[in-house]
Amino acid sequence: MLKFTGATAGAVAIGTTLAAPQATAAGASLVHPGMLHTRTDLDRMAKKVKAGAAPYTAGFTRLAANRHAQSGWTANPQATVYRGSGSPQNYVILYNDIHAAYQNALRWHVTGESVYGDTAVAILNAWSARLTEVAGSADRFLAAGLYGYQFANAAELVRDHVDFDLARFQKMMLDVFYPLSEDFLANHNGAVITNYWANWDLTAIACVLAVGILCDDRAKIDRAVEYFKHGAGMGSVKNAIPVVYDDQGLGEWVEAGRDQGHALLGVGLMGTVCEMAWNQGIDLYGYDDSRFLKGAQYVARWSMGGEVPYTANTRRKGAVGGWSGSASATRAAGVDPAMTRPIWAMIANHYTKRRGLSATYLTRVAAQASPEGGGGDYGPNSGGYDQLGFGTLAFTRDRAIESAGTNTGSNPGLSPGASASGPSGDGQGAPGGGAGASPSAGATPQGGKGEDLAATGSTDVVAWTAATGITALAGGLLLLRRRGRSGGGPAQ
């Protein structure tokens, strides 16, 4: 059974009006740290690495070996960062410094060694003291989105460090990164709504959401969530995954008709948005009958060389009031099964460990990519820095559904790796603390709930280890159905 929605389902016209955002978890405080990692996550990493547990140790070894994760890193802040033709491009400096800040901050939390936290803070403070503009061609929107969400995640990890100038960093994010991302979601650089591929929207959504969390701004969080659900551009979930094949448990990823690299980027970005929202009590992973799961399964199967269905689509291109044209895709592009990005551990662990669902293709591709590295481990060009990475270390969790616990939240009195009261187990819900098939008490998911889903098909038989290959796997597809219903390269 096929279900068509979205921008490219046979050249369906798209409007530009957004519904009013709904409030998220009204009256509840935001969780800090609460983007890609919560206190529970950080405690788990430190505990597992200290115990020598696999595959955490393999993931940490990749982190410690990365040149960006060294305490001797010195920042090189610029007043203006340029990305795109026709400008003196220097954005390479920015993304290298961001990854150094993030990797040092993560290493600080895992080891408790202050030298890494101090290095991360020095990098972030240096940039917030100087950067005033992100400029260039249309690629400036990509720079704002990608490096905005990454910068915010690095800052979130050190927000309680005594030497971190949080207020100045928040101002930089609000003045430099957020306006470009919001403008892109609102105006799409003056282009028709389907001109830009899904990745452009997704970078902007990720930035707006991350800035909202960093700055305790619920309106920005609501804006990002609403766009994810109902946005007019290609990056909203129903436009990025315009066709669902219910009988196969797959959702066609719109950029599969373009090329593999950009499809992988899009899945990684959407997973990043879902994870950050989850840690604030908003379930985008499960939204619309777990539509993202079906899209991720599709890309995982296709990327490993498997056949996938494809429905031809046409999208409009051009400028509003200017030139116009169209582009069509009739089949999924060719793939290189060896191509990978550090995106799979986060997504696979959510659906198979937090939710207890079977996701055969996600399990396989995550095992093949393990242990995941980060920026600097996937080539020298910008595409190798589009994800923060290290998912084997950061997102591996035991397969268990636990009762909701109490989030420890942000506690300036705790050293990295130390836990306050409350559980620090591997099953983690949202926000922060204990786990379950739905977020913990005090946070109300805005999307679909796990109990609305029934899973059929093979169980996962690939062990979550540091192995990089698969020798045997039971066949089978993930099939999801609603209970009680009938029917069944560069970032751009």
Protein backbone atom coordinates (compact mmCIF):
# COMPACT_ATOMS: atom_id res chain seq x y z
CA MET A 1 0.00 0.00 0.00
CA LEU A 2 1.39 3.39 -1.05
CA LYS A 3 0.64 6.63 0.70
CA PHE A 4 1.60 9.87 -1.04
CA THR A 5 2.23 13.12 0.75
CA GLY A 6 4.57 16.02 0.41
CA ALA A 7 6.23 18.23 -2.14
CA THR A 8 7.32 15.72 -4.74
CA ALA A 9 4.45 13.26 -4.88
CA GLY A 10 3.83 13.70 -8.59
CA ALA A 11 4.48 17.45 -8.69
CA VAL A 12 1.89 18.30 -6.06
CA ALA A 13 1.76 22.02 -5.40
CA ILE A 14 2.81 23.25 -1.97
CA GLY A 15 1.55 26.27 -0.12
CA THR A 16 3.70 28.58 1.96
CA THR A 17 1.50 29.12 5.00
CA LEU A 18 2.48 27.50 8.29
CA ALA A 19 0.07 26.59 11.03
CA ALA A 20 0.58 28.29 14.36
CA PRO A 21 3.05 26.41 16.57
CA GLN A 22 1.75 24.54 19.58
CA ALA A 23 3.31 25.05 22.98
CA THR A 24 5.72 22.35 24.14
CA ALA A 25 5.49 20.97 27.65
CA ALA A 26 3.88 24.13 28.93
CA GLY A 27 5.23 25.28 32.27
CA ALA A 28 8.06 22.76 32.38
CA SER A 29 11.67 23.85 32.51
CA LEU A 30 14.02 22.94 29.72
CA VAL A 31 16.56 20.19 30.30
CA HIS A 32 20.26 21.09 30.46
CA PRO A 33 22.35 19.58 29.10
CA GLY A 34 19.61 18.67 26.68
CA MET A 35 20.58 18.63 23.03
CA LEU A 36 22.29 15.52 21.66
CA HIS A 37 23.38 14.52 25.16
CA THR A 38 21.77 14.68 28.58
CA ARG A 39 23.37 14.21 31.97
CA THR A 40 22.23 10.58 31.90
CA ASP A 41 23.99 10.05 28.56
CA LEU A 42 27.21 11.62 29.81
CA ASP A 43 27.14 9.60 33.02
CA ARG A 44 26.61 6.42 31.01
CA MET A 45 29.56 7.12 28.71
CA ALA A 46 31.89 7.82 31.62
CA LYS A 47 30.75 4.76 33.55
CA LYS A 48 31.03 2.40 30.60
CA VAL A 49 34.45 3.62 29.46
CA LYS A 50 35.80 3.44 33.00
CA ALA A 51 34.54 -0.16 33.22
CA GLY A 52 36.18 -1.06 29.90
CA ALA A 53 32.84 -2.05 28.38
CA ALA A 54 32.49 -2.70 24.67
CA PRO A 55 31.68 -1.04 22.34
CA TYR A 56 32.06 2.16 24.36
CA THR A 57 35.80 1.69 24.67
CA ALA A 58 36.16 1.36 20.90
CA GLY A 59 34.13 4.52 20.44
CA PHE A 60 36.21 6.40 22.99
CA THR A 61 39.43 5.20 21.34
CA ARG A 62 38.28 6.86 18.11
CA LEU A 63 37.55 10.06 20.00
CA ALA A 64 40.88 10.13 21.82
CA ALA A 65 42.78 9.47 18.57
CA ASN A 66 41.14 12.34 16.66
CA ARG A 67 43.44 15.34 16.27
CA HIS A 68 40.59 17.69 17.17
CA ALA A 69 40.13 16.06 20.59
CA GLN A 70 43.53 17.16 21.88
CA SER A 71 43.91 19.68 24.68
CA GLY A 72 46.57 21.60 22.76
CA TRP A 73 44.08 22.89 20.16
CA THR A 74 44.22 26.67 19.71
CA ALA A 75 41.28 28.54 18.22
CA ASN A 76 41.58 30.83 15.19
CA PRO A 77 38.45 33.01 15.40
CA GLN A 78 37.40 35.21 12.48
CA ALA A 79 35.23 38.32 12.47
CA THR A 80 33.42 37.19 9.33
CA VAL A 81 33.05 33.64 8.07
CA TYR A 82 32.45 33.18 4.35
CA ARG A 83 31.07 30.16 2.54
CA GLY A 84 30.26 30.02 -1.15
CA SER A 85 31.62 31.19 -4.47
CA GLY A 86 32.55 34.82 -4.91
CA SER A 87 33.84 35.23 -1.39
CA PRO A 88 37.15 34.62 0.39
CA GLN A 89 36.01 31.28 1.83
CA ASN A 90 37.35 30.63 5.31
CA TYR A 91 34.61 28.44 6.76
CA VAL A 92 37.07 25.56 7.04
CA ILE A 93 38.58 27.38 10.03
CA LEU A 94 35.19 27.57 11.71
CA TYR A 95 34.15 23.94 11.37
CA ASN A 96 37.53 22.66 12.49
CA ASP A 97 37.38 24.80 15.63
CA ILE A 98 33.78 23.75 16.33
CA HIS A 99 34.67 20.06 16.14
CA ALA A 100 37.68 20.65 18.39
CA ALA A 101 35.42 22.34 20.95
CA TYR A 102 32.84 19.57 20.81
CA GLN A 103 35.34 16.73 20.96
CA ASN A 104 37.26 18.26 23.85
CA ALA A 105 34.02 18.90 25.74
CA LEU A 106 32.89 15.31 25.20
CA ARG A 107 36.30 13.98 26.27
CA TRP A 108 36.09 16.12 29.42
CA HIS A 109 32.77 14.58 30.40
CA VAL A 110 34.00 11.04 29.77
CA THR A 111 37.37 11.32 31.52
CA GLY A 112 36.76 14.07 34.08
CA GLU A 113 40.10 15.65 33.09
CA SER A 114 39.71 19.42 33.34
CA VAL A 115 42.26 20.21 30.63
CA TYR A 116 39.78 19.13 27.94
CA GLY A 117 36.93 21.20 29.35
CA ASP A 118 39.24 24.19 29.59
CA THR A 119 40.26 23.76 25.94
CA ALA A 120 36.65 23.59 24.77
CA VAL A 121 35.76 26.71 26.73
CA ALA A 122 38.75 28.62 25.39
CA ILE A 123 37.71 27.84 21.80
CA LEU A 124 34.09 28.86 22.33
CA ASN A 125 34.97 32.04 24.22
CA ALA A 126 37.43 33.06 21.51
CA TRP A 127 34.79 32.82 18.80
CA SER A 128 32.03 34.57 20.73
CA ALA A 129 34.43 37.45 21.37
CA ARG A 130 35.08 38.02 17.66
CA LEU A 131 32.56 36.54 15.22
CA THR A 132 29.99 39.02 13.94
CA GLU A 133 28.82 37.65 10.59
CA VAL A 134 28.35 34.56 8.42
CA ALA A 135 28.37 35.64 4.78
CA GLY A 136 28.87 34.43 1.22
CA SER A 137 26.62 33.05 -1.50
CA ALA A 138 23.46 31.06 -0.79
CA ASP A 139 25.81 28.64 0.95
CA ARG A 140 25.83 31.04 3.88
CA PHE A 141 22.51 29.48 4.88
CA LEU A 142 24.16 26.05 4.99
CA ALA A 143 27.00 27.44 7.08
CA ALA A 144 24.60 29.06 9.53
CA GLY A 145 22.53 25.90 9.89
CA LEU A 146 25.26 23.27 10.07
CA TYR A 147 27.74 25.16 12.19
CA GLY A 148 25.02 26.81 14.24
CA TYR A 149 23.58 23.54 15.54
CA GLN A 150 27.06 22.13 16.08
CA PHE A 151 28.31 25.23 17.91
CA ALA A 152 25.26 25.15 20.18
CA ASN A 153 25.84 21.48 21.03
CA ALA A 154 29.45 22.15 22.00
CA ALA A 155 28.37 25.07 24.18
CA GLU A 156 25.63 23.04 25.84
CA LEU A 157 28.25 20.59 27.10
CA VAL A 158 30.18 23.34 28.93
CA ARG A 159 27.36 25.74 29.80
CA ASP A 160 28.08 25.35 33.55
CA HIS A 161 31.86 25.58 33.29
CA VAL A 162 33.02 28.38 35.55
CA ASP A 163 35.05 30.07 32.80
CA PHE A 164 32.49 29.83 29.99
CA ASP A 165 30.87 33.12 28.97
CA LEU A 166 27.45 31.67 28.27
CA ALA A 167 25.67 35.01 27.89
CA ARG A 168 28.10 36.25 25.25
CA PHE A 169 27.93 32.96 23.38
CA GLN A 170 24.13 33.01 23.43
CA LYS A 171 24.22 36.54 22.00
CA MET A 172 26.48 35.39 19.16
CA MET A 173 24.10 32.54 18.34
CA LEU A 174 21.08 34.86 18.39
CA ASP A 175 22.77 37.58 16.34
CA VAL A 176 24.81 35.59 13.82
CA PHE A 177 23.46 32.07 13.27
CA TYR A 178 19.78 32.08 14.16
CA PRO A 179 18.68 34.96 11.87
CA LEU A 180 20.01 33.27 8.73
CA SER A 181 18.35 29.95 9.56
CA GLU A 182 15.02 31.55 10.41
CA ASP A 183 15.16 33.67 7.25
CA PHE A 184 15.78 30.59 5.14
CA LEU A 185 12.78 28.76 6.61
CA ALA A 186 10.61 31.84 6.02
CA ASN A 187 11.85 32.96 2.61
CA HIS A 188 14.07 30.26 1.06
CA ASN A 189 16.45 32.84 -0.39
CA GLY A 190 13.69 34.15 -2.68
CA ALA A 191 13.26 30.80 -4.42
CA VAL A 192 10.14 28.75 -5.09
CA ILE A 193 9.48 26.48 -2.17
CA THR A 194 10.78 23.26 -3.76
CA ASN A 195 13.91 24.77 -5.29
CA TYR A 196 16.16 23.77 -2.41
CA TRP A 197 16.58 20.13 -1.44
CA ALA A 198 15.59 18.79 1.97
CA ASN A 199 19.05 19.23 3.48
CA TRP A 200 18.82 23.01 3.30
CA ASP A 201 15.67 23.07 5.43
CA LEU A 202 16.99 20.45 7.81
CA THR A 203 20.15 22.41 8.60
CA ALA A 204 18.00 25.44 9.38
CA ILE A 205 15.56 23.44 11.53
CA ALA A 206 18.47 21.96 13.49
CA CYS A 207 19.97 25.40 14.10
CA VAL A 208 16.71 27.03 15.19
CA LEU A 209 15.97 24.14 17.56
CA ALA A 210 19.48 24.11 19.03
CA VAL A 211 19.52 27.87 19.58
CA GLY A 212 16.12 27.64 21.23
CA ILE A 213 17.41 25.03 23.68
CA LEU A 214 20.68 26.84 24.37
CA CYS A 215 18.90 30.13 24.99
CA ASP A 216 15.87 28.72 26.85
CA ASP A 217 13.60 30.12 24.14
CA ARG A 218 10.45 28.01 23.78
CA ALA A 219 9.16 30.00 20.82
CA LYS A 220 12.17 28.94 18.76
CA ILE A 221 11.77 25.33 19.84
CA ASP A 222 8.10 25.43 18.86
CA ARG A 223 8.98 26.99 15.52
CA ALA A 224 11.43 24.20 14.68
CA VAL A 225 9.00 21.48 15.77
CA GLU A 226 6.13 22.96 13.79
CA TYR A 227 8.25 23.23 10.66
CA PHE A 228 9.41 19.64 11.03
CA LYS A 229 5.77 18.54 11.11
CA HIS A 230 4.08 20.90 8.69
CA GLY A 231 6.68 23.10 6.97
CA ALA A 232 6.16 23.96 3.32
CA GLY A 233 9.74 23.27 2.25
CA MET A 234 11.38 20.02 1.24
CA GLY A 235 12.80 19.37 4.71
CA SER A 236 9.59 18.82 6.64
CA VAL A 237 9.07 15.15 7.37
CA LYS A 238 6.24 14.53 4.90
CA ASN A 239 8.11 16.28 2.10
CA ALA A 240 11.47 14.66 2.83
CA ILE A 241 9.68 11.27 2.94
CA PRO A 242 6.85 11.83 0.43
CA VAL A 243 5.84 8.20 -0.18
CA VAL A 244 5.32 5.44 2.41
CA TYR A 245 5.25 1.77 1.39
CA ASP A 246 3.26 0.34 4.27
CA ASP A 247 3.58 -3.26 3.13
CA GLN A 248 7.39 -3.02 3.38
CA GLY A 249 7.77 -0.67 6.33
CA LEU A 250 9.75 1.73 4.14
CA GLY A 251 9.44 5.43 3.35
CA GLU A 252 10.99 6.84 0.20
CA TRP A 253 13.67 9.43 0.98
CA VAL A 254 13.25 12.24 -1.54
CA GLU A 255 16.99 12.70 -2.14
CA ALA A 256 17.50 9.04 -2.95
CA GLY A 257 16.65 10.14 -6.48
CA ARG A 258 19.53 12.61 -6.29
CA ASP A 259 22.56 10.85 -4.81
CA GLN A 260 23.68 8.78 -1.85
CA GLY A 261 25.79 11.38 -0.07
CA HIS A 262 23.02 13.92 0.27
CA ALA A 263 20.49 11.26 1.28
CA LEU A 264 22.82 10.17 4.10
CA LEU A 265 23.29 13.77 5.14
CA GLY A 266 19.54 14.30 5.28
CA VAL A 267 18.92 11.23 7.42
CA GLY A 268 21.68 12.34 9.79
CA LEU A 269 20.23 15.83 10.09
CA MET A 270 16.68 14.61 10.66
CA GLY A 271 17.96 12.20 13.30
CA THR A 272 19.79 15.09 14.98
CA VAL A 273 16.58 17.13 15.09
CA CYS A 274 14.63 14.17 16.49
CA GLU A 275 17.23 13.46 19.18
CA MET A 276 17.44 17.07 20.37
CA ALA A 277 13.65 17.31 20.49
CA TRP A 278 13.36 13.97 22.33
CA ASN A 279 15.68 15.22 25.06
CA GLN A 280 13.26 18.10 25.61
CA GLY A 281 10.24 15.80 25.85
CA ILE A 282 9.04 16.06 22.24
CA ASP A 283 8.71 12.85 20.24
CA LEU A 284 9.47 13.60 16.60
CA TYR A 285 10.95 10.12 16.16
CA GLY A 286 7.47 8.68 16.52
CA TYR A 287 5.57 11.43 14.72
CA ASP A 288 3.16 10.39 11.96
CA ASP A 289 3.33 6.65 12.65
CA SER A 290 7.14 6.76 12.99
CA ARG A 291 7.55 8.13 9.49
CA PHE A 292 11.23 8.89 10.07
CA LEU A 293 11.87 5.26 11.01
CA LYS A 294 10.52 4.16 7.65
CA GLY A 295 12.62 6.71 5.80
CA ALA A 296 15.77 5.76 7.70
CA GLN A 297 15.14 2.06 7.04
CA TYR A 298 14.75 2.87 3.34
CA VAL A 299 18.06 4.72 3.13
CA ALA A 300 19.84 2.06 5.19
CA ARG A 301 18.65 -0.75 2.93
CA TRP A 302 19.42 1.21 -0.26
CA SER A 303 22.86 2.33 0.95
CA MET A 304 23.86 -1.27 1.59
CA GLY A 305 23.03 -2.12 -2.03
CA GLY A 306 19.53 -3.45 -1.50
CA GLU A 307 16.70 -2.80 -3.91
CA VAL A 308 14.09 -0.25 -2.88
CA PRO A 309 10.85 0.88 -4.49
CA TYR A 310 10.79 4.33 -6.04
CA THR A 311 7.92 6.49 -7.20
CA ALA A 312 8.81 9.06 -9.88
CA ASN A 313 8.47 12.68 -8.83
CA THR A 314 8.89 16.17 -10.24
CA ARG A 315 9.76 19.33 -8.33
CA ARG A 316 9.63 22.95 -9.37
CA LYS A 317 12.79 25.03 -9.42
CA GLY A 318 13.49 28.71 -9.81
CA ALA A 319 13.05 32.10 -8.22
CA VAL A 320 9.81 33.72 -7.17
CA GLY A 321 8.91 36.11 -9.97
CA GLY A 322 11.99 35.06 -11.94
CA TRP A 323 13.28 32.10 -13.88
CA SER A 324 11.52 28.78 -13.48
CA GLY A 325 12.01 25.17 -14.38
CA SER A 326 11.55 21.66 -13.09
CA ALA A 327 13.51 18.50 -12.35
CA SER A 328 12.32 14.91 -12.26
CA ALA A 329 13.63 11.73 -10.69
CA THR A 330 12.47 8.34 -11.91
CA ARG A 331 14.60 5.91 -9.91
CA ALA A 332 16.85 5.69 -6.88
CA ALA A 333 20.43 6.67 -7.66
CA GLY A 334 23.31 4.22 -7.61
CA VAL A 335 25.14 3.64 -4.35
CA ASP A 336 28.54 2.69 -3.01
CA PRO A 337 27.95 0.29 -0.07
CA ALA A 338 31.29 1.41 1.39
CA MET A 339 30.12 5.02 1.76
CA THR A 340 29.23 5.89 5.32
CA ARG A 341 28.61 8.79 7.65
CA PRO A 342 28.54 8.69 11.47
CA ILE A 343 24.75 8.88 11.66
CA TRP A 344 23.42 5.39 12.30
CA ALA A 345 24.15 4.56 15.95
CA MET A 346 21.91 7.34 17.26
CA ILE A 347 18.92 6.39 15.10
CA ALA A 348 19.25 2.61 15.46
CA ASN A 349 19.64 2.79 19.23
CA HIS A 350 16.56 4.94 19.59
CA TYR A 351 14.24 2.62 17.71
CA THR A 352 15.67 -0.74 18.79
CA LYS A 353 16.82 0.04 22.33
CA ARG A 354 14.63 2.85 23.62
CA ARG A 355 11.52 1.72 21.77
CA GLY A 356 12.19 -1.99 21.49
CA LEU A 357 11.25 -2.15 17.80
CA SER A 358 12.83 -4.40 15.20
CA ALA A 359 14.73 -2.39 12.57
CA THR A 360 16.81 -4.87 10.61
CA TYR A 361 18.40 -2.50 8.12
CA LEU A 362 19.26 0.11 10.71
CA THR A 363 20.84 -2.55 12.89
CA ARG A 364 22.93 -3.87 10.03
CA VAL A 365 24.17 -0.52 8.77
CA ALA A 366 24.96 0.70 12.29
CA ALA A 367 27.04 -2.41 12.97
CA GLN A 368 28.91 -1.91 9.71
CA ALA A 369 29.72 1.71 10.59
CA SER A 370 30.83 0.93 14.15
CA PRO A 371 32.80 2.28 15.90
CA GLU A 372 31.76 5.69 14.60
CA GLY A 373 34.27 8.52 14.49
CA GLY A 374 33.66 12.22 14.08
CA GLY A 375 34.85 15.31 12.25
CA GLY A 376 38.25 14.63 10.73
CA ASP A 377 37.70 10.88 10.43
CA TYR A 378 35.67 11.02 7.20
CA GLY A 379 37.87 13.04 4.88
CA PRO A 380 39.23 16.60 4.87
CA ASN A 381 36.36 18.28 3.04
CA SER A 382 33.33 19.91 4.60
CA GLY A 383 31.12 16.85 4.07
CA GLY A 384 33.24 14.97 6.57
CA TYR A 385 32.29 17.54 9.21
CA ASP A 386 28.53 17.69 8.67
CA GLN A 387 27.87 15.44 11.67
CA LEU A 388 29.41 15.64 15.14
CA GLY A 389 29.66 11.84 15.19
CA PHE A 390 30.98 9.41 17.84
CA GLY A 391 27.61 7.69 18.04
CA THR A 392 29.04 4.35 19.19
CA LEU A 393 30.32 6.05 22.33
CA ALA A 394 27.44 8.45 22.80
CA PHE A 395 24.29 6.55 21.84
CA THR A 396 24.89 2.85 22.48
CA ARG A 397 22.45 1.66 25.14
CA ASP A 398 21.26 -1.63 26.56
CA ARG A 399 18.09 -3.05 25.08
CA ALA A 400 15.65 -2.44 27.86
CA ILE A 401 12.45 -0.57 28.54
CA GLU A 402 12.75 0.88 32.02
CA SER A 403 10.36 2.83 34.17
CA ALA A 404 10.66 6.58 34.07
CA GLY A 405 13.18 8.06 36.48
CA THR A 406 14.13 11.47 37.72
CA ASN A 407 16.30 13.64 35.53
CA THR A 408 19.36 14.94 37.29
CA GLY A 409 19.47 17.87 34.92
CA SER A 410 22.30 20.36 35.00
CA ASN A 411 24.19 20.57 38.27
CA PRO A 412 27.17 22.93 38.45
CA GLY A 413 28.35 21.18 41.58
CA LEU A 414 28.95 17.90 39.77
CA SER A 415 32.21 17.02 38.12
CA PRO A 416 31.98 15.45 34.66
CA GLY A 417 30.91 11.83 34.88
CA ALA A 418 29.49 12.20 38.39
CA SER A 419 25.82 11.61 38.97
CA ALA A 420 23.49 13.33 41.35
CA SER A 421 20.44 11.47 42.61
CA GLY A 422 18.36 9.37 40.26
CA PRO A 423 19.08 6.55 37.84
CA SER A 424 22.02 6.53 35.45
CA GLY A 425 21.11 3.40 33.52
CA ASP A 426 21.51 2.88 29.81
CA GLY A 427 17.83 3.20 28.97
CA GLN A 428 17.13 6.89 28.73
CA GLY A 429 13.89 8.66 28.12
CA ALA A 430 13.12 12.29 27.66
CA PRO A 431 13.92 14.56 29.19
CA GLY A 432 17.16 13.35 30.62
CA GLY A 433 16.64 10.66 33.16
CA GLY A 434 14.87 7.31 33.13
CA ALA A 435 13.70 5.52 30.03
CA GLY A 436 10.62 4.10 28.51
CA ALA A 437 8.75 3.66 25.29
CA SER A 438 7.61 7.22 25.85
CA PRO A 439 9.38 10.14 27.56
CA SER A 440 9.49 10.34 31.32
CA ALA A 441 7.01 12.07 33.55
CA GLY A 442 6.86 15.84 33.23
CA ALA A 443 7.49 15.86 29.47
CA THR A 444 4.64 15.51 27.00
CA PRO A 445 5.60 14.17 23.57
CA GLN A 446 3.99 16.07 20.73
CA GLY A 447 4.22 13.25 18.15
CA GLY A 448 3.10 9.63 17.90
CA LYS A 449 3.53 7.36 20.89
CA GLY A 450 5.22 4.00 20.92
CA GLU A 451 2.10 2.17 22.06
CA ASP A 452 0.41 3.10 18.77
CA LEU A 453 2.81 0.86 16.88
CA ALA A 454 2.99 -2.88 16.38
CA ALA A 455 6.19 -4.38 14.97
CA THR A 456 6.42 -7.57 12.96
CA GLY A 457 9.30 -9.22 11.14
CA SER A 458 12.65 -10.58 12.19
CA THR A 459 14.25 -9.66 15.46
CA ASP A 460 17.67 -8.02 15.48
CA VAL A 461 20.37 -10.66 15.45
CA VAL A 462 23.40 -8.45 14.96
CA ALA A 463 25.14 -7.84 18.28
CA TRP A 464 25.79 -4.20 19.20
CA THR A 465 29.53 -4.53 19.31
CA ALA A 466 32.49 -2.73 17.83
CA ALA A 467 32.53 -5.12 14.88
CA THR A 468 32.78 -3.43 11.51
CA GLY A 469 31.35 -6.23 9.38
CA ILE A 470 28.43 -8.62 9.22
CA THR A 471 28.93 -12.34 8.71
CA ALA A 472 25.36 -13.57 9.06
CA LEU A 473 21.96 -12.02 9.38
CA ALA A 474 18.45 -13.37 9.49
CA GLY A 475 16.31 -11.92 6.73
CA GLY A 476 13.15 -9.97 7.18
CA LEU A 477 11.58 -6.56 6.91
CA LEU A 478 10.31 -4.20 9.54
CA LEU A 479 6.56 -3.86 9.13
CA LEU A 480 4.66 -1.26 11.11
CA ARG A 481 0.95 -0.88 11.31
CA ARG A 482 -1.49 1.16 13.29
CA ARG A 483 -3.28 -0.95 15.84
CA GLY A 484 -6.98 -1.03 15.29
CA ARG A 485 -6.77 0.08 11.67
CA SER A 486 -7.25 -1.89 8.50
CA GLY A 487 -4.73 -1.87 5.63
CA GLY A 488 -1.60 -2.33 6.20
CA GLY A 489 29.92 15.53 -0.92
CA PRO A 490 29.28 19.12 0.20
CA ALA A 491 26.15 19.69 2.21
CA GLN A 492 23.40 21.29 0.14
